Amino acid sequence: PVRRLIQLSGIAYSNPDRWMIWLNGQRLTPGNLLPEIVDLKVYKNYIDLKWCDRGLRKIIKIRMRPNQIYDITSGVMLPG
């Protein structure tokens, strides 16, 4: 099976309405999110993410810190 991953490379945080994160190699902002993201809360040192996964047919709730990788298939958080 193909490994499906969510990788958080970094967070640049000013306040709840002004931030940037790098997720799966893409720069995301409050106005520019991936279609799989159902809900996202960004904090200075971590994010709380709700990710709609088509393969599992459910929403995954994940707390991630920079330089972490979440393996969707196994449900394991890996150091990045």
N, C-alpha and C. Protein backbone atom coordinates (compact mmCIF):
# COMPACT_ATOMS: atom_id res chain seq x y z
N PRO A 1 0.82 -1.20 0.00
CA PRO A 1 0.00 0.00 0.00
C PRO A 1 0.87 1.27 0.00
N VAL A 2 0.35 2.31 -0.59
CA VAL A 2 1.06 3.58 -0.66
C VAL A 2 0.97 4.28 0.69
N ARG A 3 2.10 4.79 1.17
CA ARG A 3 2.11 5.55 2.42
C ARG A 3 1.54 6.94 2.16
N ARG A 4 0.60 7.33 2.98
CA ARG A 4 0.02 8.67 2.88
C ARG A 4 0.41 9.42 4.13
N LEU A 5 1.02 10.60 3.94
CA LEU A 5 1.60 11.33 5.04
C LEU A 5 1.08 12.75 5.10
N ILE A 6 1.07 13.31 6.31
CA ILE A 6 0.84 14.74 6.53
C ILE A 6 2.09 15.23 7.24
N GLN A 7 2.79 16.19 6.63
CA GLN A 7 4.04 16.67 7.20
C GLN A 7 3.94 18.17 7.50
N LEU A 8 4.20 18.53 8.75
CA LEU A 8 4.24 19.93 9.15
C LEU A 8 5.70 20.35 9.25
N SER A 9 6.12 21.23 8.35
CA SER A 9 7.53 21.66 8.31
C SER A 9 7.79 22.88 9.17
N GLY A 10 6.81 23.77 9.33
CA GLY A 10 7.05 24.96 10.12
C GLY A 10 5.81 25.78 10.37
N ILE A 11 5.92 26.68 11.37
CA ILE A 11 4.84 27.60 11.75
C ILE A 11 5.43 28.99 11.90
N ALA A 12 4.78 29.98 11.31
CA ALA A 12 5.09 31.39 11.55
C ALA A 12 3.80 32.00 12.09
N TYR A 13 3.80 32.38 13.38
CA TYR A 13 2.56 32.79 14.06
C TYR A 13 2.68 34.20 14.62
N SER A 14 1.69 35.05 14.32
CA SER A 14 1.59 36.38 14.92
C SER A 14 0.40 36.46 15.86
N ASN A 15 -0.77 36.02 15.38
CA ASN A 15 -1.99 35.96 16.18
C ASN A 15 -2.95 34.97 15.51
N PRO A 16 -4.11 34.69 16.12
CA PRO A 16 -5.01 33.68 15.55
C PRO A 16 -5.46 33.94 14.12
N ASP A 17 -5.40 35.20 13.68
CA ASP A 17 -5.83 35.54 12.32
C ASP A 17 -4.67 35.80 11.37
N ARG A 18 -3.45 35.73 11.88
CA ARG A 18 -2.27 36.04 11.05
C ARG A 18 -1.18 35.01 11.32
N TRP A 19 -1.08 34.06 10.41
CA TRP A 19 -0.11 32.98 10.53
C TRP A 19 0.17 32.37 9.17
N MET A 20 1.23 31.58 9.12
CA MET A 20 1.56 30.75 7.95
C MET A 20 2.07 29.42 8.47
N ILE A 21 1.70 28.36 7.79
CA ILE A 21 2.28 27.05 8.10
C ILE A 21 2.73 26.42 6.78
N TRP A 22 3.64 25.49 6.89
CA TRP A 22 4.10 24.72 5.73
C TRP A 22 3.67 23.29 5.97
N LEU A 23 2.66 22.85 5.21
CA LEU A 23 2.08 21.53 5.36
C LEU A 23 2.20 20.80 4.03
N ASN A 24 2.82 19.64 4.06
CA ASN A 24 3.03 18.83 2.85
C ASN A 24 3.71 19.64 1.75
N GLY A 25 4.67 20.48 2.16
CA GLY A 25 5.46 21.25 1.21
C GLY A 25 4.77 22.48 0.65
N GLN A 26 3.58 22.80 1.15
CA GLN A 26 2.84 23.96 0.65
C GLN A 26 2.69 25.01 1.75
N ARG A 27 2.80 26.28 1.36
CA ARG A 27 2.62 27.37 2.31
C ARG A 27 1.13 27.66 2.42
N LEU A 28 0.59 27.54 3.62
CA LEU A 28 -0.83 27.77 3.86
C LEU A 28 -1.03 28.98 4.76
N THR A 29 -2.11 29.72 4.52
CA THR A 29 -2.49 30.88 5.32
C THR A 29 -3.98 30.76 5.63
N PRO A 30 -4.52 31.67 6.48
CA PRO A 30 -5.96 31.57 6.77
C PRO A 30 -6.84 31.60 5.52
N GLY A 31 -6.42 32.26 4.47
CA GLY A 31 -7.22 32.33 3.25
C GLY A 31 -6.85 31.34 2.18
N ASN A 32 -5.88 30.48 2.46
CA ASN A 32 -5.38 29.53 1.46
C ASN A 32 -5.13 28.18 2.13
N LEU A 33 -6.14 27.32 2.17
CA LEU A 33 -6.03 26.01 2.82
C LEU A 33 -6.21 24.89 1.80
N LEU A 34 -5.75 23.71 2.17
CA LEU A 34 -5.96 22.53 1.34
C LEU A 34 -7.41 22.08 1.45
N PRO A 35 -7.97 21.48 0.40
CA PRO A 35 -9.38 21.05 0.45
C PRO A 35 -9.65 19.96 1.49
N GLU A 36 -8.63 19.21 1.88
CA GLU A 36 -8.81 18.14 2.88
C GLU A 36 -8.95 18.68 4.30
N ILE A 37 -8.60 19.92 4.52
CA ILE A 37 -8.64 20.51 5.87
C ILE A 37 -10.07 20.93 6.19
N VAL A 38 -10.64 20.28 7.21
CA VAL A 38 -11.99 20.59 7.66
C VAL A 38 -11.95 21.72 8.68
N ASP A 39 -10.97 21.67 9.59
CA ASP A 39 -10.81 22.69 10.61
C ASP A 39 -9.33 22.78 10.96
N LEU A 40 -8.86 23.99 11.23
CA LEU A 40 -7.45 24.19 11.56
C LEU A 40 -7.33 25.32 12.56
N LYS A 41 -6.66 25.03 13.67
CA LYS A 41 -6.34 26.06 14.65
C LYS A 41 -4.82 26.08 14.76
N VAL A 42 -4.25 27.27 14.60
CA VAL A 42 -2.80 27.43 14.62
C VAL A 42 -2.40 28.17 15.88
N TYR A 43 -1.39 27.64 16.56
CA TYR A 43 -0.83 28.25 17.76
C TYR A 43 0.67 28.45 17.52
N LYS A 44 1.32 29.09 18.46
CA LYS A 44 2.74 29.40 18.30
C LYS A 44 3.61 28.16 18.09
N ASN A 45 3.32 27.08 18.84
CA ASN A 45 4.18 25.89 18.82
C ASN A 45 3.55 24.63 18.25
N TYR A 46 2.27 24.68 17.87
CA TYR A 46 1.60 23.49 17.34
C TYR A 46 0.34 23.88 16.58
N ILE A 47 -0.23 22.90 15.89
CA ILE A 47 -1.52 23.09 15.22
C ILE A 47 -2.47 21.97 15.65
N ASP A 48 -3.75 22.27 15.66
CA ASP A 48 -4.81 21.28 15.81
C ASP A 48 -5.51 21.20 14.47
N LEU A 49 -5.49 20.03 13.88
CA LEU A 49 -5.95 19.83 12.51
C LEU A 49 -7.03 18.78 12.46
N LYS A 50 -8.09 19.06 11.70
CA LYS A 50 -9.09 18.05 11.34
C LYS A 50 -8.96 17.85 9.84
N TRP A 51 -8.59 16.64 9.46
CA TRP A 51 -8.26 16.28 8.08
C TRP A 51 -9.27 15.26 7.57
N CYS A 52 -9.94 15.54 6.47
CA CYS A 52 -10.90 14.62 5.88
C CYS A 52 -10.14 13.68 4.94
N ASP A 53 -10.04 12.42 5.34
CA ASP A 53 -9.28 11.46 4.55
C ASP A 53 -10.24 10.58 3.74
N ARG A 54 -10.10 10.64 2.43
CA ARG A 54 -10.97 9.85 1.54
C ARG A 54 -10.70 8.36 1.65
N GLY A 55 -9.44 7.99 1.83
CA GLY A 55 -9.08 6.58 1.92
C GLY A 55 -9.69 5.90 3.13
N LEU A 56 -9.66 6.57 4.29
CA LEU A 56 -10.24 6.00 5.51
C LEU A 56 -11.73 6.32 5.64
N ARG A 57 -12.20 7.27 4.82
CA ARG A 57 -13.59 7.71 4.85
C ARG A 57 -13.99 8.25 6.22
N LYS A 58 -13.10 9.06 6.79
CA LYS A 58 -13.42 9.69 8.07
C LYS A 58 -12.55 10.92 8.27
N ILE A 59 -12.90 11.69 9.29
CA ILE A 59 -12.12 12.87 9.65
C ILE A 59 -11.15 12.49 10.76
N ILE A 60 -9.89 12.84 10.56
CA ILE A 60 -8.83 12.54 11.51
C ILE A 60 -8.52 13.81 12.29
N LYS A 61 -8.46 13.71 13.62
CA LYS A 61 -8.07 14.83 14.46
C LYS A 61 -6.61 14.63 14.87
N ILE A 62 -5.78 15.64 14.60
CA ILE A 62 -4.35 15.51 14.84
C ILE A 62 -3.82 16.78 15.47
N ARG A 63 -2.96 16.64 16.47
CA ARG A 63 -2.17 17.76 16.99
C ARG A 63 -0.74 17.53 16.53
N MET A 64 -0.21 18.53 15.83
CA MET A 64 1.14 18.40 15.27
C MET A 64 2.01 19.57 15.67
N ARG A 65 3.29 19.28 15.83
CA ARG A 65 4.31 20.29 16.07
C ARG A 65 5.22 20.33 14.84
N PRO A 66 5.94 21.43 14.65
CA PRO A 66 6.84 21.50 13.49
C PRO A 66 7.79 20.31 13.45
N ASN A 67 8.10 19.89 12.25
CA ASN A 67 9.00 18.76 11.98
C ASN A 67 8.43 17.42 12.44
N GLN A 68 7.11 17.29 12.37
CA GLN A 68 6.47 16.00 12.62
C GLN A 68 5.77 15.54 11.35
N ILE A 69 5.68 14.24 11.22
CA ILE A 69 5.00 13.61 10.09
C ILE A 69 3.97 12.64 10.66
N TYR A 70 2.73 12.74 10.18
CA TYR A 70 1.69 11.81 10.59
C TYR A 70 1.44 10.84 9.45
N ASP A 71 1.59 9.55 9.73
CA ASP A 71 1.34 8.50 8.75
C ASP A 71 -0.15 8.15 8.83
N ILE A 72 -0.92 8.55 7.84
CA ILE A 72 -2.37 8.36 7.85
C ILE A 72 -2.73 6.88 7.89
N THR A 73 -2.03 6.07 7.14
CA THR A 73 -2.36 4.65 7.04
C THR A 73 -2.20 3.92 8.37
N SER A 74 -1.09 4.17 9.08
CA SER A 74 -0.83 3.46 10.34
C SER A 74 -1.31 4.23 11.56
N GLY A 75 -1.56 5.56 11.43
CA GLY A 75 -1.96 6.35 12.57
C GLY A 75 -0.82 6.70 13.50
N VAL A 76 0.41 6.63 13.02
CA VAL A 76 1.60 6.86 13.83
C VAL A 76 2.20 8.23 13.52
N MET A 77 2.58 8.95 14.59
CA MET A 77 3.26 10.24 14.45
C MET A 77 4.76 9.97 14.46
N LEU A 78 5.45 10.51 13.45
CA LEU A 78 6.88 10.29 13.29
C LEU A 78 7.64 11.61 13.41
N PRO A 79 8.89 11.56 13.89
CA PRO A 79 9.70 12.78 13.86
C PRO A 79 10.08 13.08 12.42
N GLY A 80 10.12 14.36 12.06
CA GLY A 80 10.42 14.75 10.69
C GLY A 80 11.86 15.01 10.52
